[in-house]
């Protein structure tokens, strides 16, 4: 989760002229291809309203026990629920004592290397103009605890299961290998009791302007743009591994294809304690893509989208989607939480948080040519102890004692870093 949202005061005047011109041309071309945009948008809206109504009778967040995944006992009904909602909580993914030991080991790693003294403060690259308090994100990547989690066989097992929920082969091509994941290094959140946070606004990651302007993205959403919402399949990986998701920014936020974003809980967290919310409707992306094509949006605007930032979801332009946000259920230390890479998500505000809110971010990022290139770059950063390419160059760990090293990689880790 690497969001950087535009401020509410953003207008199209903030865009370079060529972007505004591209937006105008693109909107006119898409309207011509779609035909009756208003009718299509009404169809999409009606579908979303039906899904919101279904939250009263079926859980917004499906749940699985890890042993069901490990034993191949996930039913067709459970798979269908995840496909419908685009998210899942995996209970008991790791033993409580395992993750609590990782949490303590991380603390010891930070203390041993005097992180509190050397920390230079947060970098605004991820949370730029967001009107929200900044979560307690530690820009640390190579601790033994993080690396042990990333290369753990239980993590690999869950990632493979999640990858296989997608269509990895379509149109006569294999778009990714669901059996192998890259080790995508991300940070750690440690949010202490008593925290007061204004949260994180609703958004989607992995491309904003690109979703309209990039030719490969237009292939991903081709059925929608030919006015065939029923044929739109958010689980088909076709063309998703073929483009730079951040072609319209000066720096990269996420240069891999993720089937699911995710984190593993290191502490118990109540559903009312400033937790993750999502719009558990994968096809809601259609609403976001069609909304700027309606007549009430200025011709050179995309409902708040700005270069170099993720795709914002607001009450002004997307009230139905804001209405659809639903929190994760209570989670326990050792559970993991996963959501489809297109899913709209946010983090709720909290006052005087009760208990810790600690997580390690680990997504599912299956091996493909694009992800393999990134894995090789990650390995170079790993060897040197510097920040990974997708993150600010803070490089705290270059000389740290106890840093996880190449000799400690197991087979899963070596494959995930493109070494095998």
Protein backbone atom coordinates (compact mmCIF):
# COMPACT_ATOMS: atom_id res chain seq x y z
CA UNK A 1 0.00 0.00 0.00
CA UNK A 2 1.88 3.00 -1.23
CA UNK A 3 -0.76 5.68 -1.71
CA UNK A 4 -0.18 9.33 -2.47
CA UNK A 5 -3.52 11.01 -2.93
CA UNK A 6 -4.23 14.40 -4.48
CA UNK A 7 -5.54 17.14 -2.26
CA UNK A 8 -9.22 18.12 -2.56
CA UNK A 9 -8.09 21.39 -4.20
CA UNK A 10 -6.62 19.61 -7.23
CA UNK A 11 -7.96 20.77 -10.62
CA UNK A 12 -7.02 19.95 -14.18
CA UNK A 13 -4.95 23.17 -14.28
CA UNK A 14 -2.40 21.19 -12.24
CA UNK A 15 -1.86 18.88 -15.20
CA UNK A 16 0.71 19.65 -17.88
CA UNK A 17 -0.96 20.81 -21.09
CA UNK A 18 -0.20 17.59 -22.93
CA UNK A 19 -1.98 15.54 -20.26
CA UNK A 20 -5.08 17.69 -20.50
CA UNK A 21 -5.05 17.38 -24.28
CA UNK A 22 -4.66 13.59 -23.99
CA UNK A 23 -7.57 13.41 -21.57
CA UNK A 24 -9.87 15.37 -23.88
CA UNK A 25 -8.97 13.18 -26.88
CA UNK A 26 -9.26 10.00 -24.87
CA UNK A 27 -12.68 10.86 -23.45
CA UNK A 28 -14.08 11.70 -26.88
CA UNK A 29 -12.69 8.45 -28.33
CA UNK A 30 -14.07 6.31 -25.49
CA UNK A 31 -17.51 7.89 -25.71
CA UNK A 32 -17.57 7.12 -29.42
CA UNK A 33 -16.59 3.48 -28.78
CA UNK A 34 -19.08 2.98 -25.96
CA UNK A 35 -22.07 4.72 -27.47
CA UNK A 36 -24.63 5.31 -24.73
CA UNK A 37 -22.32 6.00 -21.78
CA UNK A 38 -25.17 7.10 -19.53
CA UNK A 39 -27.03 3.81 -20.00
CA UNK A 40 -23.87 1.79 -19.36
CA UNK A 41 -23.11 3.78 -16.23
CA UNK A 42 -26.66 3.19 -15.02
CA UNK A 43 -26.19 -0.57 -15.57
CA UNK A 44 -22.95 -0.54 -13.58
CA UNK A 45 -24.52 1.52 -10.80
CA UNK A 46 -27.48 -0.84 -10.54
CA UNK A 47 -25.10 -3.79 -10.23
CA UNK A 48 -23.16 -2.06 -7.44
CA UNK A 49 -26.37 -1.21 -5.61
CA UNK A 50 -27.37 -4.88 -5.71
CA UNK A 51 -23.98 -5.90 -4.33
CA UNK A 52 -24.25 -3.36 -1.50
CA UNK A 53 -27.66 -4.77 -0.61
CA UNK A 54 -26.14 -8.27 -0.50
CA UNK A 55 -23.83 -7.26 2.37
CA UNK A 56 -26.84 -7.70 4.67
CA UNK A 57 -27.10 -11.41 3.83
CA UNK A 58 -23.56 -12.51 2.92
CA UNK A 59 -20.29 -11.37 4.55
CA UNK A 60 -18.54 -8.48 2.86
CA UNK A 61 -15.20 -10.07 3.86
CA UNK A 62 -15.06 -13.85 3.28
CA UNK A 63 -12.93 -15.85 5.72
CA UNK A 64 -10.85 -19.00 5.32
CA UNK A 65 -8.77 -21.02 7.74
CA UNK A 66 -5.23 -21.52 6.53
CA UNK A 67 -5.57 -25.27 7.05
CA UNK A 68 -8.30 -25.29 4.41
CA UNK A 69 -5.84 -23.79 1.95
CA UNK A 70 -2.99 -26.09 2.96
CA UNK A 71 -5.20 -29.18 2.76
CA UNK A 72 -6.86 -28.25 -0.54
CA UNK A 73 -10.24 -28.11 1.16
CA UNK A 74 -11.48 -24.71 -0.05
CA UNK A 75 -14.94 -25.32 -1.47
CA UNK A 76 -16.31 -24.02 -4.75
CA UNK A 77 -18.70 -21.86 -2.74
CA UNK A 78 -15.83 -20.28 -0.81
CA UNK A 79 -13.89 -19.59 -3.98
CA UNK A 80 -17.01 -18.03 -5.50
CA UNK A 81 -17.36 -15.79 -2.44
CA UNK A 82 -13.78 -14.53 -2.82
CA UNK A 83 -14.32 -13.95 -6.54
CA UNK A 84 -17.46 -11.99 -5.77
CA UNK A 85 -15.97 -9.87 -3.00
CA UNK A 86 -12.36 -9.61 -4.17
CA UNK A 87 -11.01 -9.97 -0.64
CA UNK A 88 -10.45 -12.54 2.09
CA UNK A 89 -9.22 -12.89 5.66
CA UNK A 90 -7.06 -15.97 6.20
CA UNK A 91 -7.44 -17.09 9.80
CA UNK A 92 -4.55 -18.74 11.57
CA UNK A 93 -2.19 -18.13 8.69
CA UNK A 94 0.62 -18.12 11.24
CA UNK A 95 0.69 -19.16 14.87
CA UNK A 96 0.25 -16.32 17.35
CA UNK A 97 3.54 -17.13 19.07
CA UNK A 98 5.34 -17.01 15.71
CA UNK A 99 4.19 -13.51 14.75
CA UNK A 100 4.58 -12.15 18.27
CA UNK A 101 8.17 -13.39 18.20
CA UNK A 102 8.65 -11.64 14.84
CA UNK A 103 7.25 -8.44 16.33
CA UNK A 104 9.68 -8.60 19.25
CA UNK A 105 12.57 -9.52 16.97
CA UNK A 106 11.83 -6.49 14.83
CA UNK A 107 11.90 -4.27 17.92
CA UNK A 108 15.25 -5.75 18.95
CA UNK A 109 16.62 -5.18 15.43
CA UNK A 110 15.57 -1.52 15.56
CA UNK A 111 17.00 -1.03 19.04
CA UNK A 112 20.28 -2.80 18.26
CA UNK A 113 20.84 -0.36 15.41
CA UNK A 114 19.68 2.75 17.28
CA UNK A 115 16.90 3.47 14.81
CA UNK A 116 15.19 6.00 17.05
CA UNK A 117 18.30 8.19 17.01
CA UNK A 118 19.14 7.87 13.30
CA UNK A 119 15.57 8.15 11.96
CA UNK A 120 15.27 11.27 9.80
CA UNK A 121 11.52 11.48 9.70
CA UNK A 122 8.94 10.39 7.13
CA UNK A 123 9.32 10.91 3.41
CA UNK A 124 6.24 12.45 1.79
CA UNK A 125 6.46 10.39 -1.37
CA UNK A 126 3.65 8.03 -0.34
CA UNK A 127 1.30 10.25 1.63
CA UNK A 128 2.06 13.56 -0.10
CA UNK A 129 -1.01 15.80 -0.03
CA UNK A 130 -3.33 13.41 1.76
CA UNK A 131 -5.40 15.08 4.45
CA UNK A 132 -4.83 12.33 7.00
CA UNK A 133 -2.48 11.50 9.77
CA UNK A 134 0.48 9.42 8.71
CA UNK A 135 0.47 5.81 9.94
CA UNK A 136 3.52 4.68 11.90
CA UNK A 137 5.31 3.19 8.91
CA UNK A 138 8.89 2.02 9.47
CA UNK A 139 11.05 2.27 6.30
CA UNK A 140 12.80 -1.01 7.14
CA UNK A 141 12.97 -3.89 4.65
CA UNK A 142 15.67 -6.43 5.49
CA UNK A 143 15.07 -7.45 9.09
CA UNK A 144 15.17 -11.20 9.81
CA UNK A 145 11.50 -11.06 10.82
CA UNK A 146 10.36 -9.56 7.50
CA UNK A 147 12.46 -11.88 5.39
CA UNK A 148 11.40 -14.95 7.35
CA UNK A 149 7.77 -14.06 6.73
CA UNK A 150 8.31 -13.42 3.01
CA UNK A 151 10.03 -16.74 2.37
CA UNK A 152 7.90 -18.83 4.74
CA UNK A 153 6.25 -21.87 3.20
CA UNK A 154 2.88 -20.87 4.68
CA UNK A 155 3.13 -17.48 2.98
CA UNK A 156 4.04 -19.12 -0.32
CA UNK A 157 1.12 -21.53 0.03
CA UNK A 158 -1.39 -18.74 0.52
CA UNK A 159 0.06 -16.67 -2.33
CA UNK A 160 -0.17 -19.59 -4.77
CA UNK A 161 -3.79 -20.19 -3.75
CA UNK A 162 -4.61 -16.53 -4.31
CA UNK A 163 -2.79 -16.38 -7.64
CA UNK A 164 -4.76 -19.38 -8.86
CA UNK A 165 -8.01 -17.50 -8.32
CA UNK A 166 -7.00 -15.50 -11.39
CA UNK A 167 -7.02 -16.55 -15.02
CA UNK A 168 -3.27 -16.71 -15.57
CA UNK A 169 -3.78 -18.07 -19.09
CA UNK A 170 -6.12 -16.48 -21.62
CA UNK A 171 -6.07 -15.56 -25.27
CA UNK A 172 -3.58 -18.34 -25.91
CA UNK A 173 -0.95 -16.84 -23.60
CA UNK A 174 0.30 -17.46 -20.08
CA UNK A 175 0.47 -14.08 -18.37
CA UNK A 176 2.14 -15.23 -15.16
CA UNK A 177 3.27 -18.32 -13.26
CA UNK A 178 0.92 -18.74 -10.28
CA UNK A 179 3.27 -21.19 -8.54
CA UNK A 180 6.13 -18.72 -7.94
CA UNK A 181 6.00 -15.30 -6.29
CA UNK A 182 8.57 -12.55 -6.25
CA UNK A 183 9.69 -11.46 -2.80
CA UNK A 184 8.27 -7.95 -2.88
CA UNK A 185 9.84 -6.06 0.05
CA UNK A 186 7.59 -3.57 1.78
CA UNK A 187 7.65 -1.91 5.16
CA UNK A 188 6.14 -2.47 8.62
CA UNK A 189 3.41 -0.58 10.44
CA UNK A 190 3.65 -0.34 14.22
CA UNK A 191 0.79 1.81 15.52
CA UNK A 192 0.82 2.11 19.33
CA UNK A 193 -2.09 2.19 21.77
CA UNK A 194 -3.57 5.64 22.21
CA UNK A 195 -3.02 6.61 18.57
CA UNK A 196 -5.30 9.27 17.12
CA UNK A 197 -5.34 9.01 13.34
CA UNK A 198 -7.43 10.69 10.67
CA UNK A 199 -7.00 7.63 8.50
CA UNK A 200 -6.30 7.23 4.82
CA UNK A 201 -8.73 8.27 2.12
CA UNK A 202 -10.39 5.85 -0.29
CA UNK A 203 -8.33 5.07 -3.38
CA UNK A 204 -7.04 2.35 -5.66
CA UNK A 205 -3.37 1.61 -6.30
CA UNK A 206 -1.55 0.41 -9.43
CA UNK A 207 -2.16 3.12 -11.95
CA UNK A 208 -4.36 6.20 -12.20
CA UNK A 209 -4.03 8.20 -15.44
CA UNK A 210 -2.69 5.00 -16.99
CA UNK A 211 -6.04 3.26 -16.64
CA UNK A 212 -7.45 5.52 -19.33
CA UNK A 213 -4.40 6.52 -21.36
CA UNK A 214 -2.24 3.39 -21.61
CA UNK A 215 -3.06 1.14 -24.60
CA UNK A 216 -2.52 -2.07 -22.63
CA UNK A 217 -4.91 -0.89 -19.92
CA UNK A 218 -7.49 -0.21 -22.62
CA UNK A 219 -7.05 -3.88 -23.58
CA UNK A 220 -7.67 -4.93 -19.98
CA UNK A 221 -10.97 -3.03 -19.99
CA UNK A 222 -11.83 -3.65 -23.65
CA UNK A 223 -15.19 -5.29 -22.90
CA UNK A 224 -16.27 -2.30 -20.88
CA UNK A 225 -15.28 0.09 -23.63
CA UNK A 226 -17.37 -1.83 -26.16
CA UNK A 227 -20.40 -1.47 -23.87
CA UNK A 228 -20.39 -5.07 -22.61
CA UNK A 229 -20.25 -4.84 -18.83
CA UNK A 230 -21.37 -8.45 -18.42
CA UNK A 231 -18.20 -9.63 -20.21
CA UNK A 232 -15.85 -7.57 -18.05
CA UNK A 233 -13.78 -10.00 -15.92
CA UNK A 234 -11.59 -8.39 -13.25
CA UNK A 235 -9.92 -11.78 -12.68
CA UNK A 236 -8.50 -12.13 -16.19
CA UNK A 237 -4.79 -11.24 -16.14
CA UNK A 238 -4.61 -10.62 -19.89
CA UNK A 239 -2.37 -7.62 -20.68
CA UNK A 240 -1.93 -6.66 -17.01
CA UNK A 241 1.73 -7.67 -17.06
CA UNK A 242 2.51 -5.69 -20.22
CA UNK A 243 2.71 -2.09 -19.07
CA UNK A 244 4.37 0.33 -16.73
CA UNK A 245 1.58 1.07 -14.27
CA UNK A 246 3.19 4.39 -13.40
CA UNK A 247 4.26 5.69 -16.78
CA UNK A 248 2.94 9.16 -15.94
CA UNK A 249 4.99 9.87 -12.85
CA UNK A 250 8.58 10.90 -12.25
CA UNK A 251 9.14 8.16 -9.69
CA UNK A 252 7.75 4.66 -9.45
CA UNK A 253 5.48 3.51 -6.65
CA UNK A 254 4.83 -0.11 -7.58
CA UNK A 255 6.53 -1.61 -10.60
CA UNK A 256 5.23 -5.15 -10.20
CA UNK A 257 1.96 -6.86 -11.01
CA UNK A 258 0.18 -7.90 -7.81
CA UNK A 259 -2.77 -10.25 -7.88
CA UNK A 260 -3.55 -9.30 -4.29
CA UNK A 261 -2.31 -6.71 -1.88
CA UNK A 262 -1.99 -7.95 1.64
CA UNK A 263 -0.65 -7.77 5.15
CA UNK A 264 -0.12 -10.12 8.06
CA UNK A 265 -1.30 -9.07 11.52
CA UNK A 266 1.31 -9.01 14.28
CA UNK A 267 -1.28 -8.02 16.89
CA UNK A 268 -5.00 -8.30 17.55
CA UNK A 269 -7.08 -5.49 16.01
CA UNK A 270 -10.76 -4.68 16.45
CA UNK A 271 -12.89 -3.75 13.47
CA UNK A 272 -13.50 -0.30 14.99
CA UNK A 273 -9.84 0.51 15.65
CA UNK A 274 -8.81 2.43 12.53
CA UNK A 275 -8.61 -0.62 10.30
CA UNK A 276 -8.64 -1.31 6.59
CA UNK A 277 -11.90 -0.78 4.71
CA UNK A 278 -12.59 -1.89 1.15
CA UNK A 279 -15.31 -1.77 -1.47
CA UNK A 280 -15.70 -5.55 -1.81
CA UNK A 281 -16.86 -5.35 -5.44
CA UNK A 282 -14.04 -6.05 -7.94
CA UNK A 283 -16.16 -4.86 -10.86
CA UNK A 284 -16.55 -1.44 -9.20
CA UNK A 285 -13.55 -0.36 -11.28
CA UNK A 286 -16.07 0.06 -14.10
CA UNK A 287 -17.77 2.84 -12.13
CA UNK A 288 -14.45 4.67 -11.72
CA UNK A 289 -13.58 4.39 -15.40
CA UNK A 290 -16.97 5.52 -16.69
CA UNK A 291 -17.62 8.32 -14.20
CA UNK A 292 -15.33 10.91 -15.91
CA UNK A 293 -17.13 10.33 -19.21
CA UNK A 294 -20.42 11.74 -17.91
CA UNK A 295 -21.52 15.23 -18.86
CA UNK A 296 -21.13 16.82 -15.41
CA UNK A 297 -17.33 16.34 -15.40
CA UNK A 298 -15.14 19.02 -17.05
CA UNK A 299 -13.83 17.74 -20.36
CA UNK A 300 -10.18 17.85 -19.30
CA UNK A 301 -10.64 16.27 -15.85
CA UNK A 302 -10.82 12.70 -14.54
CA UNK A 303 -12.62 13.21 -11.21
CA UNK A 304 -9.57 14.25 -9.24
CA UNK A 305 -6.91 12.09 -10.87
CA UNK A 306 -3.46 13.70 -10.94
CA UNK A 307 -0.09 12.68 -12.38
CA UNK A 308 2.14 10.76 -10.00
CA UNK A 309 -0.61 9.81 -7.58
CA UNK A 310 -2.99 6.94 -7.06
CA UNK A 311 -6.61 6.99 -8.16
CA UNK A 312 -8.74 8.84 -5.56
CA UNK A 313 -12.32 7.92 -4.69
CA UNK A 314 -14.39 10.76 -3.27
CA UNK A 315 -17.88 11.54 -2.06
CA UNK A 316 -18.02 14.33 -4.65
CA UNK A 317 -17.60 12.08 -7.67
CA UNK A 318 -18.20 8.54 -6.39
CA UNK A 319 -20.85 8.64 -3.62
CA UNK A 320 -22.09 5.12 -4.34
CA UNK A 321 -18.60 3.69 -3.88
CA UNK A 322 -18.05 5.53 -0.61
CA UNK A 323 -21.34 4.03 0.57
CA UNK A 324 -19.98 0.57 -0.26
CA UNK A 325 -16.86 0.72 1.98
CA UNK A 326 -16.83 -2.09 4.55
CA UNK A 327 -14.28 -2.76 7.34
CA UNK A 328 -12.36 -5.94 7.88
CA UNK A 329 -13.70 -8.06 10.75
CA UNK A 330 -11.77 -8.32 14.00
CA UNK A 331 -8.39 -9.89 13.27
CA UNK A 332 -6.04 -11.76 15.54
CA UNK A 333 -2.27 -11.95 15.55
CA UNK A 334 -1.30 -14.41 12.82
CA UNK A 335 -4.27 -13.73 10.53
CA UNK A 336 -3.59 -12.25 7.11
CA UNK A 337 -5.77 -9.89 5.06
CA UNK A 338 -5.87 -9.80 1.25
CA UNK A 339 -7.60 -7.69 -1.39
CA UNK A 340 -7.67 -7.72 -5.22
CA UNK A 341 -5.22 -5.25 -6.76
CA UNK A 342 -8.05 -3.13 -8.23
CA UNK A 343 -10.11 -2.99 -5.03
CA UNK A 344 -10.95 0.43 -3.62
CA UNK A 345 -9.69 0.66 -0.05
CA UNK A 346 -9.10 3.09 2.79
CA UNK A 347 -8.04 3.16 6.43
CA UNK A 348 -10.57 4.45 8.93
CA UNK A 349 -9.92 7.19 11.45
CA UNK A 350 -9.43 6.26 15.11
CA UNK A 351 -9.34 8.10 18.41
CA UNK A 352 -7.37 6.65 21.33
CA UNK A 353 -6.66 3.33 19.64
CA UNK A 354 -7.07 0.37 21.95
CA UNK A 355 -4.10 -2.00 21.69
CA UNK A 356 -1.37 -2.18 19.08
CA UNK A 357 -2.03 -2.09 15.34
CA UNK A 358 1.00 -3.86 13.90
CA UNK A 359 1.24 -5.42 10.44
CA UNK A 360 3.83 -6.53 7.91
CA UNK A 361 2.93 -5.74 4.30
CA UNK A 362 3.38 -8.73 1.99
CA UNK A 363 1.43 -8.96 -1.31
CA UNK A 364 0.98 -11.76 -3.82
CA UNK A 365 3.10 -10.88 -6.85
CA UNK A 366 3.40 -13.87 -9.21
CA UNK A 367 6.40 -14.41 -11.42
CA UNK A 368 6.24 -12.97 -14.93
CA UNK A 369 8.79 -11.18 -17.09
CA UNK A 370 7.92 -7.82 -15.57
CA UNK A 371 8.12 -9.08 -12.00
CA UNK A 372 11.30 -11.05 -12.66
CA UNK A 373 13.05 -7.85 -13.78
CA UNK A 374 12.05 -6.20 -10.53
CA UNK A 375 13.14 -9.24 -8.50
CA UNK A 376 16.66 -8.93 -9.87
CA UNK A 377 16.76 -5.26 -8.89
CA UNK A 378 15.48 -6.18 -5.44
CA UNK A 379 18.24 -8.72 -5.00
CA UNK A 380 20.85 -6.05 -5.66
CA UNK A 381 19.24 -3.81 -3.03
CA UNK A 382 19.01 -6.74 -0.63
CA UNK A 383 22.71 -7.54 -0.95
CA UNK A 384 23.66 -3.94 -0.16
CA UNK A 385 20.99 -3.33 2.47
CA UNK A 386 19.59 -0.30 0.65
CA UNK A 387 15.94 0.63 0.11
CA UNK A 388 14.21 -1.34 -2.70
CA UNK A 389 13.74 0.46 -6.05
CA UNK A 390 10.03 1.19 -5.53
CA UNK A 391 10.64 3.11 -2.30
CA UNK A 392 12.40 6.32 -1.20
CA UNK A 393 16.16 5.98 -0.97
CA UNK A 394 16.44 6.20 2.81
CA UNK A 395 18.94 3.32 3.03
CA UNK A 396 18.95 2.98 6.80
CA UNK A 397 20.10 -0.63 6.90
CA UNK A 398 23.33 -0.59 4.91
CA UNK A 399 25.56 -1.10 7.93
CA UNK A 400 23.11 -2.59 10.39
CA UNK A 401 23.95 -5.46 12.65
CA UNK A 402 21.78 -8.56 12.35
CA UNK A 403 20.50 -7.75 8.85
CA UNK A 404 19.18 -10.79 6.99
CA UNK A 405 21.74 -11.90 4.42
CA UNK A 406 21.87 -13.91 1.17
CA UNK A 407 23.20 -17.01 2.95
CA UNK A 408 19.94 -17.17 4.95
CA UNK A 409 17.70 -17.43 1.91
CA UNK A 410 15.86 -20.71 1.48
CA UNK A 411 14.63 -22.14 -1.83
CA UNK A 412 11.47 -20.01 -1.75
CA UNK A 413 13.51 -16.88 -1.15
CA UNK A 414 16.00 -17.64 -3.90
CA UNK A 415 13.24 -18.28 -6.44
CA UNK A 416 11.43 -15.14 -5.32
CA UNK A 417 14.53 -13.07 -5.97
CA UNK A 418 15.05 -14.53 -9.45
CA UNK A 419 18.04 -16.62 -8.45
CA UNK A 420 16.63 -19.98 -9.58
